[in-house]
Amino acid sequence: SEDAIFLPIAMVIDQYNRMFVISSTNEEGVIVMDENSNFTGYIGAPKVTYSVFDMLWRQFQTAEQRAAGKPYIPTQFQNIAIDDEGFVYVTTSTMDPSKQLASLTVSSSSKNYAPVRKLNPQGTEIMKRNGFYDCGGAWVMLPDKVSKIVDVAVGPEKSWSIIDSKRSRVFTYDSEGMLLFAFGDSGSQLGNITTIEAITYQGDNMLLLDYTTGAFTVFQRTSYGNKLIAALKNDNDRKYDQSIIHWKDVLQYNNNFDAAYIGVGKSLYRSGEYNEALEYLKAAYDTKTYSKAYGELRKEWVSKFVLLVPVIVGLLIFAIIKLFKYAAKVNK
């Protein structure tokens, strides 16, 4: 609108030099501009957060009361990141905690109240959430304990990280929404962040900004993290034999890591080793991929014995005919 106030607080640029801007005074979504700074539109506008009580109460209000009441506007985005393929990640920490909790706990394709979202260039939410818990930080069942996600950064091999300012903690996920690792705490000890404010990657290093001290803390990836990234890289490059090796190495560090079992199982499945894949997928309760592997085994069984089926049926028919002829002769 003509009286809109433009206060940009975060921005990214895609491979076509388009600018995606977050403005602290805008509720329409992410502002999109071309390389000449011409406004082209909005994408990814969050849904208006009406409650059932609000909708019922408004039916009994006058026009003056509605105008004087609180405005029902979408939740504002706070931070933004972009990957090499042009997909945009946005975060919001102004969400009603009860609605955010409902978004995390309800099994639904609708994630209008999720604290982090992945948008395609048209603004459609395309985040994959195939983990055992949603990609929203700490898994809790109380609204006042829900993570406050304030920033997101895209890491190597399609991984991405978010920061929880309530706990000064980092959560890192893969492209399927599986939690890879989490670390960090609030405090003054080495490696802790008093007030975590922002995150970014610098090559293989991760940089976290402490708002209180105004300083960056640089984290190097551990050998455990290197194994994880190597496994993801081989998955993305479709080198499944190598991927299996790295995922099994990860299990040597952590034999309770579901994502590693799923990684081995999927690599075996893609390599055509369906029987072996079933064992790992069963261990991680990955019913979706387990069903696919079992379906391929069933196809193999059918293709192997498909020629025997008409032979067996023919022999049964022949035996039945002979039986009836013999029975007719005896009865006569």
C-alpha atoms as a PDB file:
ATOM      1  CA  SER A   1       0.000   0.000   0.000  1.00  0.00           C
ATOM      2  CA  GLU A   2       1.009   3.625  -0.406  1.00  0.00           C
ATOM      3  CA  ASP A   3       1.460   4.148   3.338  1.00  0.00           C
ATOM      4  CA  ALA A   4       3.436   0.943   3.907  1.00  0.00           C
ATOM      5  CA  ILE A   5       6.630   1.276   5.929  1.00  0.00           C
ATOM      6  CA  PHE A   6       9.609  -0.676   4.596  1.00  0.00           C
ATOM      7  CA  LEU A   7      11.993  -1.821   7.349  1.00  0.00           C
ATOM      8  CA  PRO A   8      14.098  -4.703   5.976  1.00  0.00           C
ATOM      9  CA  ILE A   9      15.730  -6.928   8.606  1.00  0.00           C
ATOM     10  CA  ALA A  10      16.913  -9.904   6.507  1.00  0.00           C
ATOM     11  CA  MET A  11      17.352 -10.786   2.856  1.00  0.00           C
ATOM     12  CA  VAL A  12      18.749 -13.382   0.446  1.00  0.00           C
ATOM     13  CA  ILE A  13      19.447 -13.425  -3.287  1.00  0.00           C
ATOM     14  CA  ASP A  14      18.795 -16.417  -5.571  1.00  0.00           C
ATOM     15  CA  GLN A  15      20.721 -17.577  -8.650  1.00  0.00           C
ATOM     16  CA  TYR A  16      18.656 -15.246 -10.862  1.00  0.00           C
ATOM     17  CA  ASN A  17      19.542 -12.187  -8.744  1.00  0.00           C
ATOM     18  CA  ARG A  18      16.033 -11.923  -7.353  1.00  0.00           C
ATOM     19  CA  MET A  19      15.899 -10.483  -3.833  1.00  0.00           C
ATOM     20  CA  PHE A  20      13.770 -12.019  -1.094  1.00  0.00           C
ATOM     21  CA  VAL A  21      13.360  -9.563   1.763  1.00  0.00           C
ATOM     22  CA  ILE A  22      11.883  -9.807   5.257  1.00  0.00           C
ATOM     23  CA  SER A  23      10.440  -6.515   6.521  1.00  0.00           C
ATOM     24  CA  SER A  24       9.637  -6.144  10.217  1.00  0.00           C
ATOM     25  CA  THR A  25       6.507  -4.123   9.427  1.00  0.00           C
ATOM     26  CA  ASN A  26       5.075  -6.426   6.776  1.00  0.00           C
ATOM     27  CA  GLU A  27       2.541  -9.221   7.283  1.00  0.00           C
ATOM     28  CA  GLU A  28       2.020 -10.107   3.605  1.00  0.00           C
ATOM     29  CA  GLY A  29       4.877 -12.610   3.478  1.00  0.00           C
ATOM     30  CA  VAL A  30       8.309 -12.425   1.867  1.00  0.00           C
ATOM     31  CA  ILE A  31       8.854  -9.378  -0.370  1.00  0.00           C
ATOM     32  CA  VAL A  32      10.220 -10.316  -3.820  1.00  0.00           C
ATOM     33  CA  MET A  33      12.151  -7.832  -5.981  1.00  0.00           C
ATOM     34  CA  ASP A  34      13.995  -8.244  -9.258  1.00  0.00           C
ATOM     35  CA  GLU A  35      17.662  -7.402  -9.825  1.00  0.00           C
ATOM     36  CA  ASN A  36      16.715  -3.748 -10.451  1.00  0.00           C
ATOM     37  CA  SER A  37      14.963  -3.493  -7.058  1.00  0.00           C
ATOM     38  CA  ASN A  38      11.509  -3.445  -8.651  1.00  0.00           C
ATOM     39  CA  PHE A  39       8.803  -4.940  -6.430  1.00  0.00           C
ATOM     40  CA  THR A  40       7.252  -8.032  -8.028  1.00  0.00           C
ATOM     41  CA  GLY A  41       5.070  -9.441  -5.252  1.00  0.00           C
ATOM     42  CA  TYR A  42       4.854 -11.457  -2.057  1.00  0.00           C
ATOM     43  CA  ILE A  43       5.294 -15.173  -1.423  1.00  0.00           C
ATOM     44  CA  GLY A  44       4.598 -17.506   1.477  1.00  0.00           C
ATOM     45  CA  ALA A  45       2.195 -15.323   3.445  1.00  0.00           C
ATOM     46  CA  PRO A  46       1.311 -17.161   6.684  1.00  0.00           C
ATOM     47  CA  LYS A  47      -2.337 -17.945   7.350  1.00  0.00           C
ATOM     48  CA  VAL A  48      -4.380 -15.677   9.592  1.00  0.00           C
ATOM     49  CA  THR A  49      -4.451 -17.218  13.075  1.00  0.00           C
ATOM     50  CA  TYR A  50      -8.156 -17.253  13.939  1.00  0.00           C
ATOM     51  CA  SER A  51      -9.411 -19.387  16.802  1.00  0.00           C
ATOM     52  CA  VAL A  52     -12.905 -20.886  17.007  1.00  0.00           C
ATOM     53  CA  PHE A  53     -13.675 -18.662  19.988  1.00  0.00           C
ATOM     54  CA  ASP A  54     -12.585 -15.545  18.043  1.00  0.00           C
ATOM     55  CA  MET A  55     -14.833 -16.399  15.122  1.00  0.00           C
ATOM     56  CA  LEU A  56     -17.857 -17.021  17.371  1.00  0.00           C
ATOM     57  CA  TRP A  57     -17.251 -13.890  19.442  1.00  0.00           C
ATOM     58  CA  ARG A  58     -17.038 -11.675  16.348  1.00  0.00           C
ATOM     59  CA  GLN A  59     -20.540 -12.752  15.359  1.00  0.00           C
ATOM     60  CA  PHE A  60     -21.896 -10.884  18.410  1.00  0.00           C
ATOM     61  CA  GLN A  61     -19.763  -7.745  18.027  1.00  0.00           C
ATOM     62  CA  THR A  62     -20.753  -4.492  16.404  1.00  0.00           C
ATOM     63  CA  ALA A  63     -18.692  -2.956  13.602  1.00  0.00           C
ATOM     64  CA  GLU A  64     -17.214  -0.464  16.087  1.00  0.00           C
ATOM     65  CA  GLN A  65     -16.195  -3.234  18.476  1.00  0.00           C
ATOM     66  CA  ARG A  66     -14.552  -5.192  15.694  1.00  0.00           C
ATOM     67  CA  ALA A  67     -12.620  -2.130  14.548  1.00  0.00           C
ATOM     68  CA  ALA A  68     -11.448  -1.430  18.108  1.00  0.00           C
ATOM     69  CA  GLY A  69     -10.389  -5.021  18.714  1.00  0.00           C
ATOM     70  CA  LYS A  70      -7.077  -6.627  17.927  1.00  0.00           C
ATOM     71  CA  PRO A  71      -6.279  -6.925  14.189  1.00  0.00           C
ATOM     72  CA  TYR A  72      -6.308 -10.446  12.783  1.00  0.00           C
ATOM     73  CA  ILE A  73      -3.148 -10.349  10.737  1.00  0.00           C
ATOM     74  CA  PRO A  74      -0.813 -13.148   9.656  1.00  0.00           C
ATOM     75  CA  THR A  75       2.270 -13.905  11.684  1.00  0.00           C
ATOM     76  CA  GLN A  76       5.391 -12.065  10.585  1.00  0.00           C
ATOM     77  CA  PHE A  77       8.516 -13.806   9.365  1.00  0.00           C
ATOM     78  CA  GLN A  78      11.715 -12.986  11.197  1.00  0.00           C
ATOM     79  CA  ASN A  79      14.614 -14.557   9.303  1.00  0.00           C
ATOM     80  CA  ILE A  80      15.389 -16.109   5.954  1.00  0.00           C
ATOM     81  CA  ALA A  81      17.921 -18.336   4.184  1.00  0.00           C
ATOM     82  CA  ILE A  82      18.209 -19.793   0.684  1.00  0.00           C
ATOM     83  CA  ASP A  83      19.866 -22.908  -0.749  1.00  0.00           C
ATOM     84  CA  ASP A  84      21.673 -23.519  -4.038  1.00  0.00           C
ATOM     85  CA  GLU A  85      18.452 -24.643  -5.733  1.00  0.00           C
ATOM     86  CA  GLY A  86      16.588 -21.436  -4.916  1.00  0.00           C
ATOM     87  CA  PHE A  87      14.388 -22.817  -2.134  1.00  0.00           C
ATOM     88  CA  VAL A  88      13.742 -20.312   0.643  1.00  0.00           C
ATOM     89  CA  TYR A  89      13.691 -21.142   4.361  1.00  0.00           C
ATOM     90  CA  VAL A  90      11.842 -18.732   6.660  1.00  0.00           C
ATOM     91  CA  THR A  91      11.374 -18.629  10.420  1.00  0.00           C
ATOM     92  CA  THR A  92       8.965 -16.932  12.778  1.00  0.00           C
ATOM     93  CA  SER A  93       9.168 -16.599  16.548  1.00  0.00           C
ATOM     94  CA  THR A  94       5.993 -14.511  16.966  1.00  0.00           C
ATOM     95  CA  MET A  95       3.674 -17.488  16.595  1.00  0.00           C
ATOM     96  CA  ASP A  96       1.115 -18.224  19.301  1.00  0.00           C
ATOM     97  CA  PRO A  97       2.824 -21.083  21.240  1.00  0.00           C
ATOM     98  CA  SER A  98      -0.423 -23.069  21.516  1.00  0.00           C
ATOM     99  CA  LYS A  99      -0.944 -22.938  17.747  1.00  0.00           C
ATOM    100  CA  GLN A 100       2.712 -23.809  17.146  1.00  0.00           C
ATOM    101  CA  LEU A 101       2.384 -26.791  19.485  1.00  0.00           C
ATOM    102  CA  ALA A 102      -0.739 -27.953  17.637  1.00  0.00           C
ATOM    103  CA  SER A 103       1.161 -27.721  14.347  1.00  0.00           C
ATOM    104  CA  LEU A 104       3.938 -29.882  15.763  1.00  0.00           C
ATOM    105  CA  THR A 105       1.725 -32.524  17.333  1.00  0.00           C
ATOM    106  CA  VAL A 106      -1.096 -32.928  14.825  1.00  0.00           C
ATOM    107  CA  SER A 107      -0.269 -35.296  11.981  1.00  0.00           C
ATOM    108  CA  SER A 108      -1.290 -33.117   9.069  1.00  0.00           C
ATOM    109  CA  SER A 109       0.089 -31.900   5.771  1.00  0.00           C
ATOM    110  CA  SER A 110      -0.918 -28.368   6.795  1.00  0.00           C
ATOM    111  CA  LYS A 111       1.911 -26.616   8.625  1.00  0.00           C
ATOM    112  CA  ASN A 112       0.621 -23.061   8.622  1.00  0.00           C
ATOM    113  CA  TYR A 113       1.832 -22.507  12.188  1.00  0.00           C
ATOM    114  CA  ALA A 114       5.207 -24.240  11.900  1.00  0.00           C
ATOM    115  CA  PRO A 115       8.116 -22.119  13.220  1.00  0.00           C
ATOM    116  CA  VAL A 116      10.249 -22.905  10.143  1.00  0.00           C
ATOM    117  CA  ARG A 117       9.004 -23.399   6.598  1.00  0.00           C
ATOM    118  CA  LYS A 118      10.571 -24.195   3.229  1.00  0.00           C
ATOM    119  CA  LEU A 119       9.130 -22.353   0.238  1.00  0.00           C
ATOM    120  CA  ASN A 120       9.557 -22.870  -3.481  1.00  0.00           C
ATOM    121  CA  PRO A 121       9.865 -19.772  -5.738  1.00  0.00           C
ATOM    122  CA  GLN A 122       6.040 -19.624  -5.938  1.00  0.00           C
ATOM    123  CA  GLY A 123       5.777 -19.513  -2.143  1.00  0.00           C
ATOM    124  CA  THR A 124       4.337 -23.007  -1.661  1.00  0.00           C
ATOM    125  CA  GLU A 125       5.358 -24.852   1.505  1.00  0.00           C
ATOM    126  CA  ILE A 126       7.389 -27.948   0.496  1.00  0.00           C
ATOM    127  CA  MET A 127       9.164 -28.865   3.727  1.00  0.00           C
ATOM    128  CA  LYS A 128       9.577 -32.637   4.158  1.00  0.00           C
ATOM    129  CA  ARG A 129       8.807 -33.761   7.682  1.00  0.00           C
ATOM    130  CA  ASN A 130       9.577 -37.485   7.673  1.00  0.00           C
ATOM    131  CA  GLY A 131      11.244 -37.592  11.077  1.00  0.00           C
ATOM    132  CA  PHE A 132       9.697 -39.050  14.201  1.00  0.00           C
ATOM    133  CA  TYR A 133       9.205 -35.484  15.451  1.00  0.00           C
ATOM    134  CA  ASP A 134       8.476 -32.307  13.559  1.00  0.00           C
ATOM    135  CA  CYS A 135      11.247 -29.908  12.528  1.00  0.00           C
ATOM    136  CA  GLY A 136      10.545 -27.425  15.297  1.00  0.00           C
ATOM    137  CA  GLY A 137      13.357 -27.806  17.797  1.00  0.00           C
ATOM    138  CA  ALA A 138      12.836 -29.332  21.237  1.00  0.00           C
ATOM    139  CA  TRP A 139       9.951 -31.799  21.427  1.00  0.00           C
ATOM    140  CA  VAL A 140       7.721 -30.803  24.345  1.00  0.00           C
ATOM    141  CA  MET A 141       4.022 -30.981  25.130  1.00  0.00           C
ATOM    142  CA  LEU A 142       3.647 -27.656  26.969  1.00  0.00           C
ATOM    143  CA  PRO A 143       3.075 -24.337  25.128  1.00  0.00           C
ATOM    144  CA  ASP A 144       5.442 -22.418  27.415  1.00  0.00           C
ATOM    145  CA  LYS A 145       8.222 -24.924  26.651  1.00  0.00           C
ATOM    146  CA  VAL A 146       7.928 -24.775  22.852  1.00  0.00           C
ATOM    147  CA  SER A 147      11.153 -23.735  21.120  1.00  0.00           C
ATOM    148  CA  LYS A 148      11.494 -20.138  19.974  1.00  0.00           C
ATOM    149  CA  ILE A 149      13.098 -20.408  16.538  1.00  0.00           C
ATOM    150  CA  VAL A 150      14.833 -17.160  15.560  1.00  0.00           C
ATOM    151  CA  ASP A 151      17.062 -18.055  12.595  1.00  0.00           C
ATOM    152  CA  VAL A 152      17.815 -20.739  10.011  1.00  0.00           C
ATOM    153  CA  ALA A 153      20.910 -21.540   7.938  1.00  0.00           C
ATOM    154  CA  VAL A 154      21.473 -23.937   5.037  1.00  0.00           C
ATOM    155  CA  GLY A 155      24.350 -26.339   5.581  1.00  0.00           C
ATOM    156  CA  PRO A 156      26.231 -28.829   3.394  1.00  0.00           C
ATOM    157  CA  GLU A 157      24.531 -31.653   1.483  1.00  0.00           C
ATOM    158  CA  LYS A 158      20.997 -30.231   1.783  1.00  0.00           C
ATOM    159  CA  SER A 159      21.140 -30.147   5.577  1.00  0.00           C
ATOM    160  CA  TRP A 160      19.835 -27.115   7.446  1.00  0.00           C
ATOM    161  CA  SER A 161      20.012 -25.792  10.989  1.00  0.00           C
ATOM    162  CA  ILE A 162      17.766 -23.723  13.234  1.00  0.00           C
ATOM    163  CA  ILE A 163      18.491 -22.038  16.553  1.00  0.00           C
ATOM    164  CA  ASP A 164      16.261 -22.036  19.628  1.00  0.00           C
ATOM    165  CA  SER A 165      16.760 -18.792  21.551  1.00  0.00           C
ATOM    166  CA  LYS A 166      14.882 -20.185  24.555  1.00  0.00           C
ATOM    167  CA  ARG A 167      17.577 -22.844  25.079  1.00  0.00           C
ATOM    168  CA  SER A 168      20.503 -21.382  23.056  1.00  0.00           C
ATOM    169  CA  ARG A 169      20.532 -24.663  21.163  1.00  0.00           C
ATOM    170  CA  VAL A 170      21.148 -25.678  17.543  1.00  0.00           C
ATOM    171  CA  PHE A 171      19.062 -28.331  15.767  1.00  0.00           C
ATOM    172  CA  THR A 172      20.263 -29.706  12.421  1.00  0.00           C
ATOM    173  CA  TYR A 173      18.085 -31.701  10.002  1.00  0.00           C
ATOM    174  CA  ASP A 174      18.543 -33.427   6.658  1.00  0.00           C
ATOM    175  CA  SER A 175      16.432 -32.839   3.539  1.00  0.00           C
ATOM    176  CA  GLU A 176      13.872 -35.411   4.731  1.00  0.00           C
ATOM    177  CA  GLY A 177      13.313 -33.657   8.050  1.00  0.00           C
ATOM    178  CA  MET A 178      15.246 -36.221  10.114  1.00  0.00           C
ATOM    179  CA  LEU A 179      17.065 -34.757  13.116  1.00  0.00           C
ATOM    180  CA  LEU A 180      20.810 -35.293  12.626  1.00  0.00           C
ATOM    181  CA  PHE A 181      22.137 -33.717  15.821  1.00  0.00           C
ATOM    182  CA  ALA A 182      21.461 -31.027  18.408  1.00  0.00           C
ATOM    183  CA  PHE A 183      23.861 -29.224  20.716  1.00  0.00           C
ATOM    184  CA  GLY A 184      24.316 -26.087  22.791  1.00  0.00           C
ATOM    185  CA  ASP A 185      23.098 -24.554  26.025  1.00  0.00           C
ATOM    186  CA  SER A 186      22.784 -21.172  27.649  1.00  0.00           C
ATOM    187  CA  GLY A 187      25.639 -20.083  29.888  1.00  0.00           C
ATOM    188  CA  SER A 188      29.102 -18.583  30.079  1.00  0.00           C
ATOM    189  CA  GLN A 189      31.126 -21.786  29.718  1.00  0.00           C
ATOM    190  CA  LEU A 190      33.245 -22.381  26.629  1.00  0.00           C
ATOM    191  CA  GLY A 191      30.963 -23.231  23.703  1.00  0.00           C
ATOM    192  CA  ASN A 192      27.777 -21.982  25.368  1.00  0.00           C
ATOM    193  CA  ILE A 193      25.858 -18.934  24.174  1.00  0.00           C
ATOM    194  CA  THR A 194      24.242 -16.494  26.588  1.00  0.00           C
ATOM    195  CA  THR A 195      21.660 -15.134  24.131  1.00  0.00           C
ATOM    196  CA  ILE A 196      21.748 -16.849  20.763  1.00  0.00           C
ATOM    197  CA  GLU A 197      20.718 -14.492  17.951  1.00  0.00           C
ATOM    198  CA  ALA A 198      21.862 -15.762  14.542  1.00  0.00           C
ATOM    199  CA  ILE A 199      23.473 -18.681  12.720  1.00  0.00           C
ATOM    200  CA  THR A 200      25.340 -19.112   9.452  1.00  0.00           C
ATOM    201  CA  TYR A 201      27.756 -21.534   7.817  1.00  0.00           C
ATOM    202  CA  GLN A 202      31.262 -20.663   6.706  1.00  0.00           C
ATOM    203  CA  GLY A 203      32.367 -23.668   4.705  1.00  0.00           C
ATOM    204  CA  ASP A 204      32.314 -26.603   7.106  1.00  0.00           C
ATOM    205  CA  ASN A 205      32.319 -24.323  10.134  1.00  0.00           C
ATOM    206  CA  MET A 206      29.220 -23.070  11.913  1.00  0.00           C
ATOM    207  CA  LEU A 207      29.071 -19.517  13.276  1.00  0.00           C
ATOM    208  CA  LEU A 208      26.713 -18.558  16.109  1.00  0.00           C
ATOM    209  CA  LEU A 209      26.125 -14.966  17.191  1.00  0.00           C
ATOM    210  CA  ASP A 210      25.758 -14.112  20.875  1.00  0.00           C
ATOM    211  CA  TYR A 211      23.567 -11.031  21.239  1.00  0.00           C
ATOM    212  CA  THR A 212      24.739 -10.352  24.801  1.00  0.00           C
ATOM    213  CA  THR A 213      28.464 -10.282  24.062  1.00  0.00           C
ATOM    214  CA  GLY A 214      28.199  -9.197  20.419  1.00  0.00           C
ATOM    215  CA  ALA A 215      30.660 -11.934  19.449  1.00  0.00           C
ATOM    216  CA  PHE A 216      30.698 -14.955  17.145  1.00  0.00           C
ATOM    217  CA  THR A 217      31.421 -18.454  18.381  1.00  0.00           C
ATOM    218  CA  VAL A 218      32.924 -20.710  15.713  1.00  0.00           C
ATOM    219  CA  PHE A 219      32.221 -24.445  15.812  1.00  0.00           C
ATOM    220  CA  GLN A 220      34.154 -27.037  13.820  1.00  0.00           C
ATOM    221  CA  ARG A 221      32.426 -30.231  12.745  1.00  0.00           C
ATOM    222  CA  THR A 222      33.410 -33.310  14.741  1.00  0.00           C
ATOM    223  CA  SER A 223      34.432 -36.656  13.250  1.00  0.00           C
ATOM    224  CA  TYR A 224      30.906 -37.861  14.020  1.00  0.00           C
ATOM    225  CA  GLY A 225      29.504 -34.943  12.037  1.00  0.00           C
ATOM    226  CA  ASN A 226      31.942 -35.644   9.193  1.00  0.00           C
ATOM    227  CA  LYS A 227      30.618 -39.202   8.937  1.00  0.00           C
ATOM    228  CA  LEU A 228      27.050 -37.896   8.799  1.00  0.00           C
ATOM    229  CA  ILE A 229      27.817 -35.392   6.036  1.00  0.00           C
ATOM    230  CA  ALA A 230      29.804 -38.026   4.085  1.00  0.00           C
ATOM    231  CA  ALA A 231      26.818 -40.379   4.261  1.00  0.00           C
ATOM    232  CA  LEU A 232      24.463 -37.628   3.060  1.00  0.00           C
ATOM    233  CA  LYS A 233      26.839 -36.694   0.243  1.00  0.00           C
ATOM    234  CA  ASN A 234      26.982 -40.263  -1.057  1.00  0.00           C
ATOM    235  CA  ASP A 235      23.196 -40.495  -0.793  1.00  0.00           C
ATOM    236  CA  ASN A 236      22.826 -37.303  -2.835  1.00  0.00           C
ATOM    237  CA  ASP A 237      25.422 -38.532  -5.366  1.00  0.00           C
ATOM    238  CA  ARG A 238      23.644 -41.920  -5.544  1.00  0.00           C
ATOM    239  CA  LYS A 239      26.778 -43.771  -4.482  1.00  0.00           C
ATOM    240  CA  TYR A 240      24.850 -46.130  -2.287  1.00  0.00           C
ATOM    241  CA  ASP A 241      27.657 -48.628  -1.681  1.00  0.00           C
ATOM    242  CA  GLN A 242      29.763 -45.870  -0.141  1.00  0.00           C
ATOM    243  CA  SER A 243      26.751 -44.454   1.656  1.00  0.00           C
ATOM    244  CA  ILE A 244      26.188 -47.767   3.458  1.00  0.00           C
ATOM    245  CA  ILE A 245      29.781 -47.740   4.714  1.00  0.00           C
ATOM    246  CA  HIS A 246      29.458 -44.241   6.191  1.00  0.00           C
ATOM    247  CA  TRP A 247      26.038 -44.873   7.749  1.00  0.00           C
ATOM    248  CA  LYS A 248      27.410 -47.999   9.420  1.00  0.00           C
ATOM    249  CA  ASP A 249      30.338 -45.936  10.692  1.00  0.00           C
ATOM    250  CA  VAL A 250      27.797 -43.530  12.193  1.00  0.00           C
ATOM    251  CA  LEU A 251      26.167 -46.481  13.978  1.00  0.00           C
ATOM    252  CA  GLN A 252      29.530 -47.258  15.555  1.00  0.00           C
ATOM    253  CA  TYR A 253      29.326 -43.852  17.235  1.00  0.00           C
ATOM    254  CA  ASN A 254      25.617 -44.079  18.080  1.00  0.00           C
ATOM    255  CA  ASN A 255      23.844 -47.425  17.689  1.00  0.00           C
ATOM    256  CA  ASN A 256      20.488 -45.873  18.679  1.00  0.00           C
ATOM    257  CA  PHE A 257      20.454 -43.402  15.794  1.00  0.00           C
ATOM    258  CA  ASP A 258      17.285 -44.060  13.773  1.00  0.00           C
ATOM    259  CA  ALA A 259      18.384 -41.920  10.818  1.00  0.00           C
ATOM    260  CA  ALA A 260      21.463 -44.126  10.340  1.00  0.00           C
ATOM    261  CA  TYR A 261      19.385 -47.315  10.263  1.00  0.00           C
ATOM    262  CA  ILE A 262      17.049 -45.670   7.764  1.00  0.00           C
ATOM    263  CA  GLY A 263      20.046 -44.465   5.732  1.00  0.00           C
ATOM    264  CA  VAL A 264      21.487 -47.987   5.504  1.00  0.00           C
ATOM    265  CA  GLY A 265      18.063 -49.448   4.757  1.00  0.00           C
ATOM    266  CA  LYS A 266      17.304 -46.964   1.982  1.00  0.00           C
ATOM    267  CA  SER A 267      20.755 -47.435   0.424  1.00  0.00           C
ATOM    268  CA  LEU A 268      20.297 -51.217   0.437  1.00  0.00           C
ATOM    269  CA  TYR A 269      16.816 -50.775  -1.021  1.00  0.00           C
ATOM    270  CA  ARG A 270      18.111 -48.565  -3.822  1.00  0.00           C
ATOM    271  CA  SER A 271      20.879 -51.098  -4.499  1.00  0.00           C
ATOM    272  CA  GLY A 272      18.304 -53.871  -4.890  1.00  0.00           C
ATOM    273  CA  GLU A 273      19.252 -55.720  -1.686  1.00  0.00           C
ATOM    274  CA  TYR A 274      15.716 -55.855  -0.361  1.00  0.00           C
ATOM    275  CA  ASN A 275      16.066 -58.621   2.234  1.00  0.00           C
ATOM    276  CA  GLU A 276      18.952 -56.867   3.970  1.00  0.00           C
ATOM    277  CA  ALA A 277      17.116 -53.543   3.744  1.00  0.00           C
ATOM    278  CA  LEU A 278      14.121 -54.937   5.624  1.00  0.00           C
ATOM    279  CA  GLU A 279      16.238 -55.659   8.710  1.00  0.00           C
ATOM    280  CA  TYR A 280      17.498 -52.070   9.043  1.00  0.00           C
ATOM    281  CA  LEU A 281      14.166 -50.456   8.157  1.00  0.00           C
ATOM    282  CA  LYS A 282      12.387 -52.618  10.698  1.00  0.00           C
ATOM    283  CA  ALA A 283      14.872 -51.559  13.390  1.00  0.00           C
ATOM    284  CA  ALA A 284      14.000 -47.900  12.740  1.00  0.00           C
ATOM    285  CA  TYR A 285      10.238 -48.452  12.277  1.00  0.00           C
ATOM    286  CA  ASP A 286      10.381 -46.911   8.793  1.00  0.00           C
ATOM    287  CA  THR A 287       7.138 -48.509   7.653  1.00  0.00           C
ATOM    288  CA  LYS A 288       6.914 -46.525   4.413  1.00  0.00           C
ATOM    289  CA  THR A 289      10.226 -47.679   2.932  1.00  0.00           C
ATOM    290  CA  TYR A 290       9.772 -51.130   4.497  1.00  0.00           C
ATOM    291  CA  SER A 291       6.542 -51.525   2.514  1.00  0.00           C
ATOM    292  CA  LYS A 292       8.331 -50.506  -0.690  1.00  0.00           C
ATOM    293  CA  ALA A 293      11.134 -53.026  -0.109  1.00  0.00           C
ATOM    294  CA  TYR A 294       8.638 -55.762   0.752  1.00  0.00           C
ATOM    295  CA  GLY A 295       6.702 -54.928  -2.427  1.00  0.00           C
ATOM    296  CA  GLU A 296       9.858 -55.379  -4.507  1.00  0.00           C
ATOM    297  CA  LEU A 297      10.489 -58.754  -2.850  1.00  0.00           C
ATOM    298  CA  ARG A 298       6.954 -59.781  -3.693  1.00  0.00           C
ATOM    299  CA  LYS A 299       7.511 -58.778  -7.322  1.00  0.00           C
ATOM    300  CA  GLU A 300      10.699 -60.843  -7.409  1.00  0.00           C
ATOM    301  CA  TRP A 301       8.866 -63.850  -6.019  1.00  0.00           C
ATOM    302  CA  VAL A 302       6.053 -63.491  -8.556  1.00  0.00           C
ATOM    303  CA  SER A 303       8.465 -63.095 -11.488  1.00  0.00           C
ATOM    304  CA  LYS A 304      10.458 -66.114 -10.317  1.00  0.00           C
ATOM    305  CA  PHE A 305       7.488 -68.432  -9.921  1.00  0.00           C
ATOM    306  CA  VAL A 306       5.064 -66.951 -12.450  1.00  0.00           C
ATOM    307  CA  LEU A 307       5.718 -69.781 -14.963  1.00  0.00           C
ATOM    308  CA  LEU A 308       5.119 -72.411 -12.299  1.00  0.00           C
ATOM    309  CA  VAL A 309       1.651 -71.108 -11.502  1.00  0.00           C
ATOM    310  CA  PRO A 310      -0.062 -72.255 -14.765  1.00  0.00           C
ATOM    311  CA  VAL A 311       1.816 -75.574 -14.566  1.00  0.00           C
ATOM    312  CA  ILE A 312       0.601 -76.182 -11.018  1.00  0.00           C
ATOM    313  CA  VAL A 313      -2.936 -75.098 -11.929  1.00  0.00           C
ATOM    314  CA  GLY A 314      -2.885 -77.398 -14.959  1.00  0.00           C
ATOM    315  CA  LEU A 315      -1.701 -80.342 -12.848  1.00  0.00           C
ATOM    316  CA  LEU A 316      -4.432 -79.673 -10.287  1.00  0.00           C
ATOM    317  CA  ILE A 317      -7.113 -79.571 -13.002  1.00  0.00           C
ATOM    318  CA  PHE A 318      -5.738 -82.767 -14.536  1.00  0.00           C
ATOM    319  CA  ALA A 319      -5.723 -84.471 -11.117  1.00  0.00           C
ATOM    320  CA  ILE A 320      -9.294 -83.351 -10.404  1.00  0.00           C
ATOM    321  CA  ILE A 321     -10.506 -84.636 -13.785  1.00  0.00           C
ATOM    322  CA  LYS A 322      -8.824 -87.998 -13.179  1.00  0.00           C
ATOM    323  CA  LEU A 323     -10.320 -88.136  -9.689  1.00  0.00           C
ATOM    324  CA  PHE A 324     -13.819 -87.527 -10.947  1.00  0.00           C
ATOM    325  CA  LYS A 325     -13.420 -90.134 -13.691  1.00  0.00           C
ATOM    326  CA  TYR A 326     -12.195 -92.691 -11.158  1.00  0.00           C
ATOM    327  CA  ALA A 327     -15.025 -91.786  -8.746  1.00  0.00           C
ATOM    328  CA  ALA A 328     -17.596 -92.132 -11.533  1.00  0.00           C
ATOM    329  CA  LYS A 329     -16.228 -95.551 -12.439  1.00  0.00           C
ATOM    330  CA  VAL A 330     -16.289 -96.750  -8.800  1.00  0.00           C
ATOM    331  CA  ASN A 331     -19.795 -95.377  -8.237  1.00  0.00           C
ATOM    332  CA  LYS A 332     -21.074 -97.151 -11.355  1.00  0.00           C
END
